[in-house]
Amino acid sequence: MKGNHLGEFEELVLLTVCILHGEAYGFSVKKEITQQTGRRPTLGAVHATLYRLQDKGLLDSTLGGANSQRGGRRKRLFTITSAGLAMLEEARTIREQMWALVPRLDIERSLG
């Protein structure tokens, strides 16, 4: 597997693929990220990230069925791999450990 850490947007894309559970393709990932975060990534950025994560071995993809709404074109559907899930879990653990070390700043400010 290439790469040994996730960028922030890569983590969002991986989480979104998990949320969409079998229905993750470029536009659905873009739409879900916007819905969940208020961010508006470009479709190009989403596609580039999906393929980069696939190259890293964190996602797999298959071609879905063709339909008339897409002019007979098939969707590339992405799913998370066990390596991708492990990478997400590692990122989550690191974030939780670091948040646990942050002092209670709101209490310190009110006392000071």
PDB file of N, CA and C in Angstrom:
ATOM      1  N   MET A   1       0.844  -1.178   0.000  1.00  0.00           N
ATOM      2  CA  MET A   1       0.000   0.000   0.000  1.00  0.00           C
ATOM      3  C   MET A   1       0.885   1.235   0.000  1.00  0.00           C
ATOM      4  N   LYS A   2       0.572   2.164  -0.884  1.00  0.00           N
ATOM      5  CA  LYS A   2       1.308   3.429  -0.939  1.00  0.00           C
ATOM      6  C   LYS A   2       0.779   4.362   0.130  1.00  0.00           C
ATOM      7  N   GLY A   3       1.664   5.231   0.633  1.00  0.00           N
ATOM      8  CA  GLY A   3       1.229   6.235   1.603  1.00  0.00           C
ATOM      9  C   GLY A   3       0.944   5.622   2.956  1.00  0.00           C
ATOM     10  N   ASN A   4       1.234   6.377   4.007  1.00  0.00           N
ATOM     11  CA  ASN A   4       0.999   5.832   5.330  1.00  0.00           C
ATOM     12  C   ASN A   4       0.215   6.772   6.228  1.00  0.00           C
ATOM     13  N   HIS A   5      -0.409   7.783   5.650  1.00  0.00           N
ATOM     14  CA  HIS A   5      -1.285   8.645   6.427  1.00  0.00           C
ATOM     15  C   HIS A   5      -2.362   9.208   5.510  1.00  0.00           C
ATOM     16  N   LEU A   6      -3.404   9.732   6.146  1.00  0.00           N
ATOM     17  CA  LEU A   6      -4.517  10.311   5.398  1.00  0.00           C
ATOM     18  C   LEU A   6      -4.500  11.820   5.517  1.00  0.00           C
ATOM     19  N   GLY A   7      -4.756  12.476   4.404  1.00  0.00           N
ATOM     20  CA  GLY A   7      -5.018  13.903   4.457  1.00  0.00           C
ATOM     21  C   GLY A   7      -6.437  14.113   4.951  1.00  0.00           C
ATOM     22  N   GLU A   8      -6.753  15.329   5.351  1.00  0.00           N
ATOM     23  CA  GLU A   8      -8.076  15.615   5.904  1.00  0.00           C
ATOM     24  C   GLU A   8      -9.188  15.339   4.895  1.00  0.00           C
ATOM     25  N   PHE A   9      -8.994  15.742   3.638  1.00  0.00           N
ATOM     26  CA  PHE A   9     -10.030  15.501   2.627  1.00  0.00           C
ATOM     27  C   PHE A   9     -10.127  14.015   2.294  1.00  0.00           C
ATOM     28  N   GLU A  10      -8.997  13.322   2.276  1.00  0.00           N
ATOM     29  CA  GLU A  10      -9.022  11.876   2.047  1.00  0.00           C
ATOM     30  C   GLU A  10      -9.840  11.177   3.132  1.00  0.00           C
ATOM     31  N   GLU A  11      -9.663  11.610   4.364  1.00  0.00           N
ATOM     32  CA  GLU A  11     -10.425  11.025   5.466  1.00  0.00           C
ATOM     33  C   GLU A  11     -11.921  11.269   5.282  1.00  0.00           C
ATOM     34  N   LEU A  12     -12.290  12.486   4.880  1.00  0.00           N
ATOM     35  CA  LEU A  12     -13.701  12.793   4.614  1.00  0.00           C
ATOM     36  C   LEU A  12     -14.269  11.904   3.512  1.00  0.00           C
ATOM     37  N   VAL A  13     -13.494  11.717   2.453  1.00  0.00           N
ATOM     38  CA  VAL A  13     -13.962  10.892   1.333  1.00  0.00           C
ATOM     39  C   VAL A  13     -14.125   9.440   1.789  1.00  0.00           C
ATOM     40  N   LEU A  14     -13.158   8.900   2.530  1.00  0.00           N
ATOM     41  CA  LEU A  14     -13.277   7.523   3.029  1.00  0.00           C
ATOM     42  C   LEU A  14     -14.504   7.366   3.925  1.00  0.00           C
ATOM     43  N   LEU A  15     -14.699   8.310   4.831  1.00  0.00           N
ATOM     44  CA  LEU A  15     -15.872   8.254   5.707  1.00  0.00           C
ATOM     45  C   LEU A  15     -17.169   8.310   4.894  1.00  0.00           C
ATOM     46  N   THR A  16     -17.175   9.135   3.870  1.00  0.00           N
ATOM     47  CA  THR A  16     -18.362   9.269   3.034  1.00  0.00           C
ATOM     48  C   THR A  16     -18.642   7.981   2.266  1.00  0.00           C
ATOM     49  N   VAL A  17     -17.611   7.329   1.773  1.00  0.00           N
ATOM     50  CA  VAL A  17     -17.797   6.036   1.097  1.00  0.00           C
ATOM     51  C   VAL A  17     -18.432   5.044   2.069  1.00  0.00           C
ATOM     52  N   CYS A  18     -18.006   5.069   3.323  1.00  0.00           N
ATOM     53  CA  CYS A  18     -18.604   4.193   4.334  1.00  0.00           C
ATOM     54  C   CYS A  18     -20.077   4.543   4.562  1.00  0.00           C
ATOM     55  N   ILE A  19     -20.369   5.829   4.668  1.00  0.00           N
ATOM     56  CA  ILE A  19     -21.748   6.271   4.891  1.00  0.00           C
ATOM     57  C   ILE A  19     -22.648   5.813   3.746  1.00  0.00           C
ATOM     58  N   LEU A  20     -22.163   5.929   2.523  1.00  0.00           N
ATOM     59  CA  LEU A  20     -22.980   5.599   1.337  1.00  0.00           C
ATOM     60  C   LEU A  20     -23.092   4.100   1.099  1.00  0.00           C
ATOM     61  N   HIS A  21     -22.293   3.325   1.737  1.00  0.00           N
ATOM     62  CA  HIS A  21     -22.379   1.856   1.784  1.00  0.00           C
ATOM     63  C   HIS A  21     -22.899   1.209   0.488  1.00  0.00           C
ATOM     64  N   GLY A  22     -22.024   1.139  -0.494  1.00  0.00           N
ATOM     65  CA  GLY A  22     -22.364   0.482  -1.748  1.00  0.00           C
ATOM     66  C   GLY A  22     -22.922   1.404  -2.817  1.00  0.00           C
ATOM     67  N   GLU A  23     -23.228   2.634  -2.464  1.00  0.00           N
ATOM     68  CA  GLU A  23     -23.785   3.603  -3.419  1.00  0.00           C
ATOM     69  C   GLU A  23     -22.852   4.800  -3.595  1.00  0.00           C
ATOM     70  N   ALA A  24     -21.568   4.598  -3.367  1.00  0.00           N
ATOM     71  CA  ALA A  24     -20.602   5.697  -3.439  1.00  0.00           C
ATOM     72  C   ALA A  24     -20.006   5.793  -4.841  1.00  0.00           C
ATOM     73  N   TYR A  25     -20.323   6.860  -5.528  1.00  0.00           N
ATOM     74  CA  TYR A  25     -19.701   7.197  -6.808  1.00  0.00           C
ATOM     75  C   TYR A  25     -19.441   8.695  -6.758  1.00  0.00           C
ATOM     76  N   GLY A  26     -18.729   9.216  -7.704  1.00  0.00           N
ATOM     77  CA  GLY A  26     -18.262  10.595  -7.639  1.00  0.00           C
ATOM     78  C   GLY A  26     -19.295  11.606  -7.185  1.00  0.00           C
ATOM     79  N   PHE A  27     -20.424  11.670  -7.877  1.00  0.00           N
ATOM     80  CA  PHE A  27     -21.418  12.691  -7.551  1.00  0.00           C
ATOM     81  C   PHE A  27     -22.060  12.455  -6.197  1.00  0.00           C
ATOM     82  N   SER A  28     -22.340  11.183  -5.848  1.00  0.00           N
ATOM     83  CA  SER A  28     -22.980  10.910  -4.550  1.00  0.00           C
ATOM     84  C   SER A  28     -22.041  11.257  -3.399  1.00  0.00           C
ATOM     85  N   VAL A  29     -20.740  11.048  -3.583  1.00  0.00           N
ATOM     86  CA  VAL A  29     -19.757  11.408  -2.557  1.00  0.00           C
ATOM     87  C   VAL A  29     -19.709  12.926  -2.408  1.00  0.00           C
ATOM     88  N   LYS A  30     -19.661  13.635  -3.532  1.00  0.00           N
ATOM     89  CA  LYS A  30     -19.645  15.107  -3.514  1.00  0.00           C
ATOM     90  C   LYS A  30     -20.874  15.635  -2.780  1.00  0.00           C
ATOM     91  N   LYS A  31     -22.034  15.119  -3.112  1.00  0.00           N
ATOM     92  CA  LYS A  31     -23.302  15.565  -2.521  1.00  0.00           C
ATOM     93  C   LYS A  31     -23.329  15.292  -1.014  1.00  0.00           C
ATOM     94  N   GLU A  32     -22.889  14.122  -0.602  1.00  0.00           N
ATOM     95  CA  GLU A  32     -22.907  13.767   0.827  1.00  0.00           C
ATOM     96  C   GLU A  32     -21.925  14.622   1.626  1.00  0.00           C
ATOM     97  N   ILE A  33     -20.752  14.879   1.069  1.00  0.00           N
ATOM     98  CA  ILE A  33     -19.783  15.744   1.762  1.00  0.00           C
ATOM     99  C   ILE A  33     -20.377  17.134   1.965  1.00  0.00           C
ATOM    100  N   THR A  34     -21.020  17.665   0.936  1.00  0.00           N
ATOM    101  CA  THR A  34     -21.655  18.987   1.046  1.00  0.00           C
ATOM    102  C   THR A  34     -22.747  18.965   2.101  1.00  0.00           C
ATOM    103  N   GLN A  35     -23.552  17.913   2.094  1.00  0.00           N
ATOM    104  CA  GLN A  35     -24.654  17.793   3.045  1.00  0.00           C
ATOM    105  C   GLN A  35     -24.141  17.693   4.486  1.00  0.00           C
ATOM    106  N   GLN A  36     -23.089  16.934   4.699  1.00  0.00           N
ATOM    107  CA  GLN A  36     -22.597  16.690   6.052  1.00  0.00           C
ATOM    108  C   GLN A  36     -21.703  17.811   6.588  1.00  0.00           C
ATOM    109  N   THR A  37     -20.982  18.500   5.711  1.00  0.00           N
ATOM    110  CA  THR A  37     -19.977  19.458   6.179  1.00  0.00           C
ATOM    111  C   THR A  37     -20.232  20.901   5.750  1.00  0.00           C
ATOM    112  N   GLY A  38     -21.069  21.104   4.744  1.00  0.00           N
ATOM    113  CA  GLY A  38     -21.271  22.440   4.201  1.00  0.00           C
ATOM    114  C   GLY A  38     -20.194  22.838   3.195  1.00  0.00           C
ATOM    115  N   ARG A  39     -19.175  21.995   3.061  1.00  0.00           N
ATOM    116  CA  ARG A  39     -18.130  22.259   2.067  1.00  0.00           C
ATOM    117  C   ARG A  39     -18.658  21.892   0.691  1.00  0.00           C
ATOM    118  N   ARG A  40     -18.138  22.545  -0.322  1.00  0.00           N
ATOM    119  CA  ARG A  40     -18.568  22.276  -1.696  1.00  0.00           C
ATOM    120  C   ARG A  40     -17.362  21.881  -2.544  1.00  0.00           C
ATOM    121  N   PRO A  41     -16.919  20.632  -2.410  1.00  0.00           N
ATOM    122  CA  PRO A  41     -15.771  20.211  -3.215  1.00  0.00           C
ATOM    123  C   PRO A  41     -16.165  20.109  -4.685  1.00  0.00           C
ATOM    124  N   THR A  42     -15.202  20.279  -5.557  1.00  0.00           N
ATOM    125  CA  THR A  42     -15.490  20.091  -6.978  1.00  0.00           C
ATOM    126  C   THR A  42     -15.576  18.593  -7.257  1.00  0.00           C
ATOM    127  N   LEU A  43     -16.302  18.256  -8.295  1.00  0.00           N
ATOM    128  CA  LEU A  43     -16.415  16.855  -8.684  1.00  0.00           C
ATOM    129  C   LEU A  43     -15.041  16.312  -9.076  1.00  0.00           C
ATOM    130  N   GLY A  44     -14.221  17.152  -9.707  1.00  0.00           N
ATOM    131  CA  GLY A  44     -12.869  16.746 -10.083  1.00  0.00           C
ATOM    132  C   GLY A  44     -12.016  16.385  -8.875  1.00  0.00           C
ATOM    133  N   ALA A  45     -12.130  17.178  -7.800  1.00  0.00           N
ATOM    134  CA  ALA A  45     -11.369  16.889  -6.576  1.00  0.00           C
ATOM    135  C   ALA A  45     -11.828  15.581  -5.947  1.00  0.00           C
ATOM    136  N   VAL A  46     -13.133  15.342  -5.980  1.00  0.00           N
ATOM    137  CA  VAL A  46     -13.669  14.090  -5.427  1.00  0.00           C
ATOM    138  C   VAL A  46     -13.174  12.906  -6.244  1.00  0.00           C
ATOM    139  N   HIS A  47     -13.280  12.990  -7.575  1.00  0.00           N
ATOM    140  CA  HIS A  47     -12.817  11.884  -8.422  1.00  0.00           C
ATOM    141  C   HIS A  47     -11.323  11.623  -8.226  1.00  0.00           C
ATOM    142  N   ALA A  48     -10.526  12.674  -8.209  1.00  0.00           N
ATOM    143  CA  ALA A  48      -9.083  12.507  -8.025  1.00  0.00           C
ATOM    144  C   ALA A  48      -8.786  11.808  -6.705  1.00  0.00           C
ATOM    145  N   THR A  49      -9.506  12.183  -5.663  1.00  0.00           N
ATOM    146  CA  THR A  49      -9.288  11.588  -4.345  1.00  0.00           C
ATOM    147  C   THR A  49      -9.747  10.142  -4.315  1.00  0.00           C
ATOM    148  N   LEU A  50     -10.892   9.841  -4.914  1.00  0.00           N
ATOM    149  CA  LEU A  50     -11.363   8.449  -4.966  1.00  0.00           C
ATOM    150  C   LEU A  50     -10.327   7.559  -5.652  1.00  0.00           C
ATOM    151  N   TYR A  51      -9.806   7.998  -6.778  1.00  0.00           N
ATOM    152  CA  TYR A  51      -8.827   7.186  -7.508  1.00  0.00           C
ATOM    153  C   TYR A  51      -7.491   7.100  -6.764  1.00  0.00           C
ATOM    154  N   ARG A  52      -7.091   8.183  -6.093  1.00  0.00           N
ATOM    155  CA  ARG A  52      -5.860   8.155  -5.300  1.00  0.00           C
ATOM    156  C   ARG A  52      -6.001   7.151  -4.150  1.00  0.00           C
ATOM    157  N   LEU A  53      -7.153   7.151  -3.491  1.00  0.00           N
ATOM    158  CA  LEU A  53      -7.392   6.208  -2.402  1.00  0.00           C
ATOM    159  C   LEU A  53      -7.445   4.770  -2.918  1.00  0.00           C
ATOM    160  N   GLN A  54      -7.952   4.608  -4.118  1.00  0.00           N
ATOM    161  CA  GLN A  54      -7.945   3.276  -4.730  1.00  0.00           C
ATOM    162  C   GLN A  54      -6.508   2.844  -5.024  1.00  0.00           C
ATOM    163  N   ASP A  55      -5.697   3.750  -5.546  1.00  0.00           N
ATOM    164  CA  ASP A  55      -4.288   3.445  -5.819  1.00  0.00           C
ATOM    165  C   ASP A  55      -3.538   3.078  -4.547  1.00  0.00           C
ATOM    166  N   LYS A  56      -3.931   3.674  -3.419  1.00  0.00           N
ATOM    167  CA  LYS A  56      -3.304   3.371  -2.131  1.00  0.00           C
ATOM    168  C   LYS A  56      -3.805   2.060  -1.531  1.00  0.00           C
ATOM    169  N   GLY A  57      -4.815   1.454  -2.167  1.00  0.00           N
ATOM    170  CA  GLY A  57      -5.359   0.197  -1.662  1.00  0.00           C
ATOM    171  C   GLY A  57      -6.407   0.370  -0.584  1.00  0.00           C
ATOM    172  N   LEU A  58      -6.923   1.597  -0.439  1.00  0.00           N
ATOM    173  CA  LEU A  58      -7.895   1.876   0.610  1.00  0.00           C
ATOM    174  C   LEU A  58      -9.338   1.773   0.124  1.00  0.00           C
ATOM    175  N   LEU A  59      -9.521   1.797  -1.192  1.00  0.00           N
ATOM    176  CA  LEU A  59     -10.831   1.634  -1.812  1.00  0.00           C
ATOM    177  C   LEU A  59     -10.740   0.617  -2.940  1.00  0.00           C
ATOM    178  N   ASP A  60     -11.840  -0.058  -3.185  1.00  0.00           N
ATOM    179  CA  ASP A  60     -12.027  -0.893  -4.372  1.00  0.00           C
ATOM    180  C   ASP A  60     -13.144  -0.261  -5.185  1.00  0.00           C
ATOM    181  N   SER A  61     -13.233  -0.615  -6.463  1.00  0.00           N
ATOM    182  CA  SER A  61     -14.350  -0.117  -7.264  1.00  0.00           C
ATOM    183  C   SER A  61     -14.810  -1.181  -8.246  1.00  0.00           C
ATOM    184  N   THR A  62     -16.080  -1.065  -8.600  1.00  0.00           N
ATOM    185  CA  THR A  62     -16.689  -1.911  -9.622  1.00  0.00           C
ATOM    186  C   THR A  62     -17.581  -1.008 -10.464  1.00  0.00           C
ATOM    187  N   LEU A  63     -17.902  -1.487 -11.664  1.00  0.00           N
ATOM    188  CA  LEU A  63     -18.822  -0.741 -12.511  1.00  0.00           C
ATOM    189  C   LEU A  63     -20.238  -1.204 -12.225  1.00  0.00           C
ATOM    190  N   GLY A  64     -21.123  -0.246 -11.951  1.00  0.00           N
ATOM    191  CA  GLY A  64     -22.533  -0.553 -11.749  1.00  0.00           C
ATOM    192  C   GLY A  64     -23.226  -0.707 -13.087  1.00  0.00           C
ATOM    193  N   GLY A  65     -24.499  -0.997 -13.028  1.00  0.00           N
ATOM    194  CA  GLY A  65     -25.282  -1.166 -14.243  1.00  0.00           C
ATOM    195  C   GLY A  65     -25.526   0.139 -14.961  1.00  0.00           C
ATOM    196  N   ALA A  66     -25.713   0.053 -16.270  1.00  0.00           N
ATOM    197  CA  ALA A  66     -26.011   1.231 -17.088  1.00  0.00           C
ATOM    198  C   ALA A  66     -27.492   1.561 -16.958  1.00  0.00           C
ATOM    199  N   ASN A  67     -27.813   2.849 -17.095  1.00  0.00           N
ATOM    200  CA  ASN A  67     -29.221   3.240 -17.118  1.00  0.00           C
ATOM    201  C   ASN A  67     -29.418   4.399 -18.086  1.00  0.00           C
ATOM    202  N   SER A  68     -30.666   4.617 -18.458  1.00  0.00           N
ATOM    203  CA  SER A  68     -30.959   5.641 -19.462  1.00  0.00           C
ATOM    204  C   SER A  68     -30.721   7.055 -18.918  1.00  0.00           C
ATOM    205  N   GLN A  69     -30.837   7.260 -17.613  1.00  0.00           N
ATOM    206  CA  GLN A  69     -30.608   8.587 -17.042  1.00  0.00           C
ATOM    207  C   GLN A  69     -29.177   9.058 -17.279  1.00  0.00           C
ATOM    208  N   ARG A  70     -28.253   8.129 -17.378  1.00  0.00           N
ATOM    209  CA  ARG A  70     -26.841   8.470 -17.590  1.00  0.00           C
ATOM    210  C   ARG A  70     -26.432   8.234 -19.046  1.00  0.00           C
ATOM    211  N   GLY A  71     -27.403   8.159 -19.925  1.00  0.00           N
ATOM    212  CA  GLY A  71     -27.103   7.961 -21.340  1.00  0.00           C
ATOM    213  C   GLY A  71     -26.441   6.611 -21.610  1.00  0.00           C
ATOM    214  N   GLY A  72     -26.772   5.622 -20.799  1.00  0.00           N
ATOM    215  CA  GLY A  72     -26.220   4.287 -20.973  1.00  0.00           C
ATOM    216  C   GLY A  72     -24.851   4.084 -20.325  1.00  0.00           C
ATOM    217  N   ARG A  73     -24.318   5.151 -19.707  1.00  0.00           N
ATOM    218  CA  ARG A  73     -23.010   5.022 -19.048  1.00  0.00           C
ATOM    219  C   ARG A  73     -23.179   4.355 -17.691  1.00  0.00           C
ATOM    220  N   ARG A  74     -22.144   3.640 -17.293  1.00  0.00           N
ATOM    221  CA  ARG A  74     -22.169   2.941 -16.014  1.00  0.00           C
ATOM    222  C   ARG A  74     -21.450   3.761 -14.947  1.00  0.00           C
ATOM    223  N   LYS A  75     -21.931   3.661 -13.705  1.00  0.00           N
ATOM    224  CA  LYS A  75     -21.295   4.347 -12.582  1.00  0.00           C
ATOM    225  C   LYS A  75     -20.163   3.479 -12.046  1.00  0.00           C
ATOM    226  N   ARG A  76     -19.074   4.111 -11.625  1.00  0.00           N
ATOM    227  CA  ARG A  76     -18.013   3.408 -10.906  1.00  0.00           C
ATOM    228  C   ARG A  76     -18.333   3.545  -9.424  1.00  0.00           C
ATOM    229  N   LEU A  77     -18.664   2.417  -8.789  1.00  0.00           N
ATOM    230  CA  LEU A  77     -19.036   2.391  -7.387  1.00  0.00           C
ATOM    231  C   LEU A  77     -17.833   2.011  -6.533  1.00  0.00           C
ATOM    232  N   PHE A  78     -17.615   2.761  -5.471  1.00  0.00           N
ATOM    233  CA  PHE A  78     -16.461   2.558  -4.599  1.00  0.00           C
ATOM    234  C   PHE A  78     -16.889   1.958  -3.266  1.00  0.00           C
ATOM    235  N   THR A  79     -16.063   1.055  -2.750  1.00  0.00           N
ATOM    236  CA  THR A  79     -16.252   0.467  -1.427  1.00  0.00           C
ATOM    237  C   THR A  79     -14.920   0.509  -0.688  1.00  0.00           C
ATOM    238  N   ILE A  80     -14.998   0.567   0.612  1.00  0.00           N
ATOM    239  CA  ILE A  80     -13.787   0.633   1.418  1.00  0.00           C
ATOM    240  C   ILE A  80     -13.192  -0.770   1.565  1.00  0.00           C
ATOM    241  N   THR A  81     -11.880  -0.858   1.581  1.00  0.00           N
ATOM    242  CA  THR A  81     -11.187  -2.131   1.791  1.00  0.00           C
ATOM    243  C   THR A  81     -10.899  -2.292   3.283  1.00  0.00           C
ATOM    244  N   SER A  82     -10.434  -3.462   3.672  1.00  0.00           N
ATOM    245  CA  SER A  82     -10.064  -3.663   5.078  1.00  0.00           C
ATOM    246  C   SER A  82      -8.895  -2.745   5.448  1.00  0.00           C
ATOM    247  N   ALA A  83      -7.982  -2.501   4.504  1.00  0.00           N
ATOM    248  CA  ALA A  83      -6.875  -1.567   4.761  1.00  0.00           C
ATOM    249  C   ALA A  83      -7.410  -0.150   4.946  1.00  0.00           C
ATOM    250  N   GLY A  84      -8.416   0.234   4.181  1.00  0.00           N
ATOM    251  CA  GLY A  84      -9.023   1.552   4.319  1.00  0.00           C
ATOM    252  C   GLY A  84      -9.714   1.719   5.657  1.00  0.00           C
ATOM    253  N   LEU A  85     -10.410   0.683   6.080  1.00  0.00           N
ATOM    254  CA  LEU A  85     -11.081   0.721   7.374  1.00  0.00           C
ATOM    255  C   LEU A  85     -10.062   0.813   8.507  1.00  0.00           C
ATOM    256  N   ALA A  86      -8.973   0.057   8.384  1.00  0.00           N
ATOM    257  CA  ALA A  86      -7.913   0.119   9.396  1.00  0.00           C
ATOM    258  C   ALA A  86      -7.293   1.514   9.447  1.00  0.00           C
ATOM    259  N   MET A  87      -7.106   2.141   8.286  1.00  0.00           N
ATOM    260  CA  MET A  87      -6.539   3.485   8.229  1.00  0.00           C
ATOM    261  C   MET A  87      -7.479   4.496   8.888  1.00  0.00           C
ATOM    262  N   LEU A  88      -8.786   4.354   8.650  1.00  0.00           N
ATOM    263  CA  LEU A  88      -9.754   5.245   9.299  1.00  0.00           C
ATOM    264  C   LEU A  88      -9.740   5.062  10.810  1.00  0.00           C
ATOM    265  N   GLU A  89      -9.681   3.820  11.250  1.00  0.00           N
ATOM    266  CA  GLU A  89      -9.653   3.540  12.693  1.00  0.00           C
ATOM    267  C   GLU A  89      -8.403   4.138  13.334  1.00  0.00           C
ATOM    268  N   GLU A  90      -7.278   4.025  12.639  1.00  0.00           N
ATOM    269  CA  GLU A  90      -6.033   4.601  13.149  1.00  0.00           C
ATOM    270  C   GLU A  90      -6.140   6.121  13.254  1.00  0.00           C
ATOM    271  N   ALA A  91      -6.693   6.752  12.236  1.00  0.00           N
ATOM    272  CA  ALA A  91      -6.861   8.207  12.252  1.00  0.00           C
ATOM    273  C   ALA A  91      -7.778   8.621  13.392  1.00  0.00           C
ATOM    274  N   ARG A  92      -8.845   7.868  13.601  1.00  0.00           N
ATOM    275  CA  ARG A  92      -9.783   8.154  14.684  1.00  0.00           C
ATOM    276  C   ARG A  92      -9.106   8.029  16.048  1.00  0.00           C
ATOM    277  N   THR A  93      -8.351   6.970  16.232  1.00  0.00           N
ATOM    278  CA  THR A  93      -7.648   6.746  17.497  1.00  0.00           C
ATOM    279  C   THR A  93      -6.671   7.873  17.795  1.00  0.00           C
ATOM    280  N   ILE A  94      -5.907   8.260  16.780  1.00  0.00           N
ATOM    281  CA  ILE A  94      -4.933   9.347  16.963  1.00  0.00           C
ATOM    282  C   ILE A  94      -5.645  10.646  17.341  1.00  0.00           C
ATOM    283  N   ARG A  95      -6.733  10.965  16.642  1.00  0.00           N
ATOM    284  CA  ARG A  95      -7.479  12.194  16.952  1.00  0.00           C
ATOM    285  C   ARG A  95      -8.029  12.159  18.380  1.00  0.00           C
ATOM    286  N   GLU A  96      -8.611  11.021  18.774  1.00  0.00           N
ATOM    287  CA  GLU A  96      -9.168  10.906  20.125  1.00  0.00           C
ATOM    288  C   GLU A  96      -8.082  11.028  21.188  1.00  0.00           C
ATOM    289  N   GLN A  97      -6.926  10.418  20.942  1.00  0.00           N
ATOM    290  CA  GLN A  97      -5.818  10.525  21.893  1.00  0.00           C
ATOM    291  C   GLN A  97      -5.352  11.969  22.031  1.00  0.00           C
ATOM    292  N   MET A  98      -5.256  12.654  20.920  1.00  0.00           N
ATOM    293  CA  MET A  98      -4.801  14.043  20.963  1.00  0.00           C
ATOM    294  C   MET A  98      -5.842  14.950  21.617  1.00  0.00           C
ATOM    295  N   TRP A  99      -7.128  14.745  21.316  1.00  0.00           N
ATOM    296  CA  TRP A  99      -8.176  15.552  21.946  1.00  0.00           C
ATOM    297  C   TRP A  99      -8.173  15.336  23.457  1.00  0.00           C
ATOM    298  N   ALA A 100      -7.871  14.136  23.896  1.00  0.00           N
ATOM    299  CA  ALA A 100      -7.824  13.855  25.329  1.00  0.00           C
ATOM    300  C   ALA A 100      -6.709  14.630  26.026  1.00  0.00           C
ATOM    301  N   LEU A 101      -5.704  15.045  25.281  1.00  0.00           N
ATOM    302  CA  LEU A 101      -4.583  15.792  25.856  1.00  0.00           C
ATOM    303  C   LEU A 101      -4.807  17.301  25.881  1.00  0.00           C
ATOM    304  N   VAL A 102      -5.832  17.766  25.189  1.00  0.00           N
ATOM    305  CA  VAL A 102      -6.112  19.197  25.144  1.00  0.00           C
ATOM    306  C   VAL A 102      -6.688  19.614  26.491  1.00  0.00           C
ATOM    307  N   PRO A 103      -6.091  20.622  27.130  1.00  0.00           N
ATOM    308  CA  PRO A 103      -6.625  21.082  28.421  1.00  0.00           C
ATOM    309  C   PRO A 103      -8.013  21.685  28.256  1.00  0.00           C
ATOM    310  N   ARG A 104      -8.752  21.686  29.290  1.00  0.00           N
ATOM    311  CA  ARG A 104     -10.096  22.266  29.277  1.00  0.00           C
ATOM    312  C   ARG A 104      -9.982  23.781  29.196  1.00  0.00           C
ATOM    313  N   LEU A 105      -9.770  24.277  28.024  1.00  0.00           N
ATOM    314  CA  LEU A 105      -9.510  25.704  27.813  1.00  0.00           C
ATOM    315  C   LEU A 105     -10.679  26.596  28.229  1.00  0.00           C
ATOM    316  N   ASP A 106     -11.883  26.103  28.060  1.00  0.00           N
ATOM    317  CA  ASP A 106     -13.037  26.921  28.429  1.00  0.00           C
ATOM    318  C   ASP A 106     -13.064  27.185  29.932  1.00  0.00           C
ATOM    319  N   ILE A 107     -12.675  26.230  30.744  1.00  0.00           N
ATOM    320  CA  ILE A 107     -12.641  26.400  32.208  1.00  0.00           C
ATOM    321  C   ILE A 107     -11.481  27.326  32.576  1.00  0.00           C
ATOM    322  N   GLU A 108     -10.315  27.111  31.975  1.00  0.00           N
ATOM    323  CA  GLU A 108      -9.134  27.940  32.281  1.00  0.00           C
ATOM    324  C   GLU A 108      -9.405  29.399  31.934  1.00  0.00           C
ATOM    325  N   ARG A 109     -10.074  29.673  30.857  1.00  0.00           N
ATOM    326  CA  ARG A 109     -10.369  31.049  30.439  1.00  0.00           C
ATOM    327  C   ARG A 109     -11.302  31.725  31.438  1.00  0.00           C
ATOM    328  N   SER A 110     -12.309  30.977  31.908  1.00  0.00           N
ATOM    329  CA  SER A 110     -13.275  31.584  32.819  1.00  0.00           C
ATOM    330  C   SER A 110     -12.670  31.837  34.194  1.00  0.00           C
ATOM    331  N   LEU A 111     -11.635  31.061  34.575  1.00  0.00           N
ATOM    332  CA  LEU A 111     -10.979  31.265  35.864  1.00  0.00           C
ATOM    333  C   LEU A 111      -9.945  32.368  35.811  1.00  0.00           C
ATOM    334  N   GLY A 112      -9.391  32.584  34.634  1.00  0.00           N
ATOM    335  CA  GLY A 112      -8.275  33.526  34.494  1.00  0.00           C
ATOM    336  C   GLY A 112      -8.723  34.914  34.405  1.00  0.00           C
TER     337      GLY A 112
END
